[in-house]
Amino acid sequence: MNIGQNSLSLISKNFTFENAKKTGRNEMYNDSVKGDILATQYKTTYYEIVLMRYVNYPNEVYLKIIDLQDYTNYLIHLHNK
């Protein structure tokens, strides 16, 4: 995964997208156990992607991917190696 200033790219076994554009939509959520989560939205022609990171646990990252063709939702927990 590559997180740029205004774009996001991911190459994996199940999903591949390059230069998903940041939409400017950012939201903050609270997890009662781990604290605040920053959610940043990106978009491609085929996917809407939300990058979610815990403020206090920056290595714990999730991607919510919505397929814009059939609106199937996927939640991926990314692990750093």
Protein backbone atom coordinates (compact mmCIF):
# COMPACT_ATOMS: atom_id res chain seq x y z
CA MET A 1 0.00 0.00 0.00
CA ASN A 2 1.22 3.48 -0.84
CA ILE A 3 -0.37 6.49 0.85
CA GLY A 4 0.43 9.73 -0.94
CA GLN A 5 -0.49 13.32 -0.17
CA ASN A 6 -3.72 13.13 -2.22
CA SER A 7 -3.86 9.54 -3.43
CA LEU A 8 -3.86 5.94 -2.30
CA SER A 9 -2.62 2.84 -4.13
CA LEU A 10 -2.92 -0.82 -3.20
CA ILE A 11 -1.68 -3.96 -4.88
CA SER A 12 -2.87 -7.18 -3.26
CA LYS A 13 -4.15 -10.63 -4.14
CA ASN A 14 -7.80 -9.48 -4.06
CA PHE A 15 -7.75 -5.75 -4.87
CA THR A 16 -5.59 -3.55 -7.02
CA PHE A 17 -6.06 0.17 -7.53
CA GLU A 18 -3.64 2.95 -8.26
CA ASN A 19 -3.91 6.64 -7.48
CA ALA A 20 -7.33 6.59 -5.85
CA LYS A 21 -8.04 10.30 -5.39
CA LYS A 22 -8.68 11.76 -1.96
CA THR A 23 -12.20 13.22 -1.86
CA GLY A 24 -11.53 15.68 0.95
CA ARG A 25 -13.99 13.90 3.23
CA ASN A 26 -12.43 13.10 6.60
CA GLU A 27 -14.31 11.90 9.66
CA MET A 28 -13.37 11.07 13.22
CA TYR A 29 -14.94 8.16 15.11
CA ASN A 30 -14.40 6.89 18.63
CA ASP A 31 -13.79 3.31 19.65
CA SER A 32 -14.51 2.95 23.38
CA VAL A 33 -11.55 0.58 23.74
CA LYS A 34 -8.80 2.00 21.50
CA GLY A 35 -9.77 5.64 21.13
CA ASP A 36 -10.16 7.87 18.07
CA ILE A 37 -10.22 6.58 14.50
CA LEU A 38 -9.44 8.89 11.58
CA ALA A 39 -11.34 7.92 8.40
CA THR A 40 -10.22 9.39 5.06
CA GLN A 41 -12.19 8.79 1.87
CA TYR A 42 -10.72 8.03 -1.58
CA LYS A 43 -12.39 7.19 -4.88
CA THR A 44 -11.62 5.46 -8.18
CA THR A 45 -13.85 4.68 -11.13
CA TYR A 46 -14.72 1.29 -9.61
CA TYR A 47 -14.24 1.68 -5.86
CA GLU A 48 -14.93 4.01 -2.97
CA ILE A 49 -12.27 3.45 -0.32
CA VAL A 50 -12.17 4.57 3.30
CA LEU A 51 -8.78 4.41 5.01
CA MET A 52 -9.29 4.03 8.78
CA ARG A 53 -6.45 4.44 11.26
CA TYR A 54 -6.43 4.55 15.03
CA VAL A 55 -4.78 7.76 16.23
CA ASN A 56 -3.06 5.98 19.15
CA TYR A 57 -2.28 2.81 17.15
CA PRO A 58 -1.00 4.04 13.76
CA ASN A 59 0.05 0.54 12.62
CA GLU A 60 -3.50 -0.78 12.94
CA VAL A 61 -5.05 0.13 9.59
CA TYR A 62 -8.32 -0.88 7.96
CA LEU A 63 -9.67 -0.34 4.46
CA LYS A 64 -13.38 -0.29 3.78
CA ILE A 65 -13.83 -0.86 0.05
CA ILE A 66 -17.19 -0.39 -1.65
CA ASP A 67 -17.53 -1.82 -5.14
CA LEU A 68 -19.38 0.88 -7.11
CA GLN A 69 -20.69 -1.66 -9.63
CA ASP A 70 -22.70 -3.83 -7.21
CA TYR A 71 -22.21 -1.94 -3.89
CA THR A 72 -20.62 -4.90 -2.15
CA ASN A 73 -18.71 -3.83 0.98
CA TYR A 74 -15.36 -5.27 2.03
CA LEU A 75 -13.46 -4.59 5.25
CA ILE A 76 -9.75 -5.38 5.17
CA HIS A 77 -7.45 -5.32 8.19
CA LEU A 78 -3.93 -4.50 6.99
CA HIS A 79 -0.98 -5.91 8.88
CA ASN A 80 2.53 -4.48 8.72
CA LYS A 81 5.23 -7.09 8.20
